[in-house]
């Protein structure tokens, strides 16, 4: 939840762009239209200002972009997992251990 649930310092903020949770939260916020929701305090004090968050932009373009980023993460992590599993299999075959 890098940078969405809490504020980040300038040194850590760049890492938020490579975290999957960020894109998932942005997509969820777009689907739920979080920017259109009224704050609880606005029910009793209607003049409280509320600035919409750009990360929860409820447009089809924004949602599709977030889904695309999440899809890229799935592909990259699948490739990484494949090579890790393959290296384990190769090490086991070199040791003479075979698991079928």
Foldseek 3Di string as FASTA:
>chain_A
DPPPVDHDDPVCNVVLVVDLVLLVVLLVLLVVVVQPDDDPVCVVVVVDDDDGDPSNNNDPVSNVVSVVVNVVVVVVVVVVVVVVVVVVQVVCVVVVHDDD
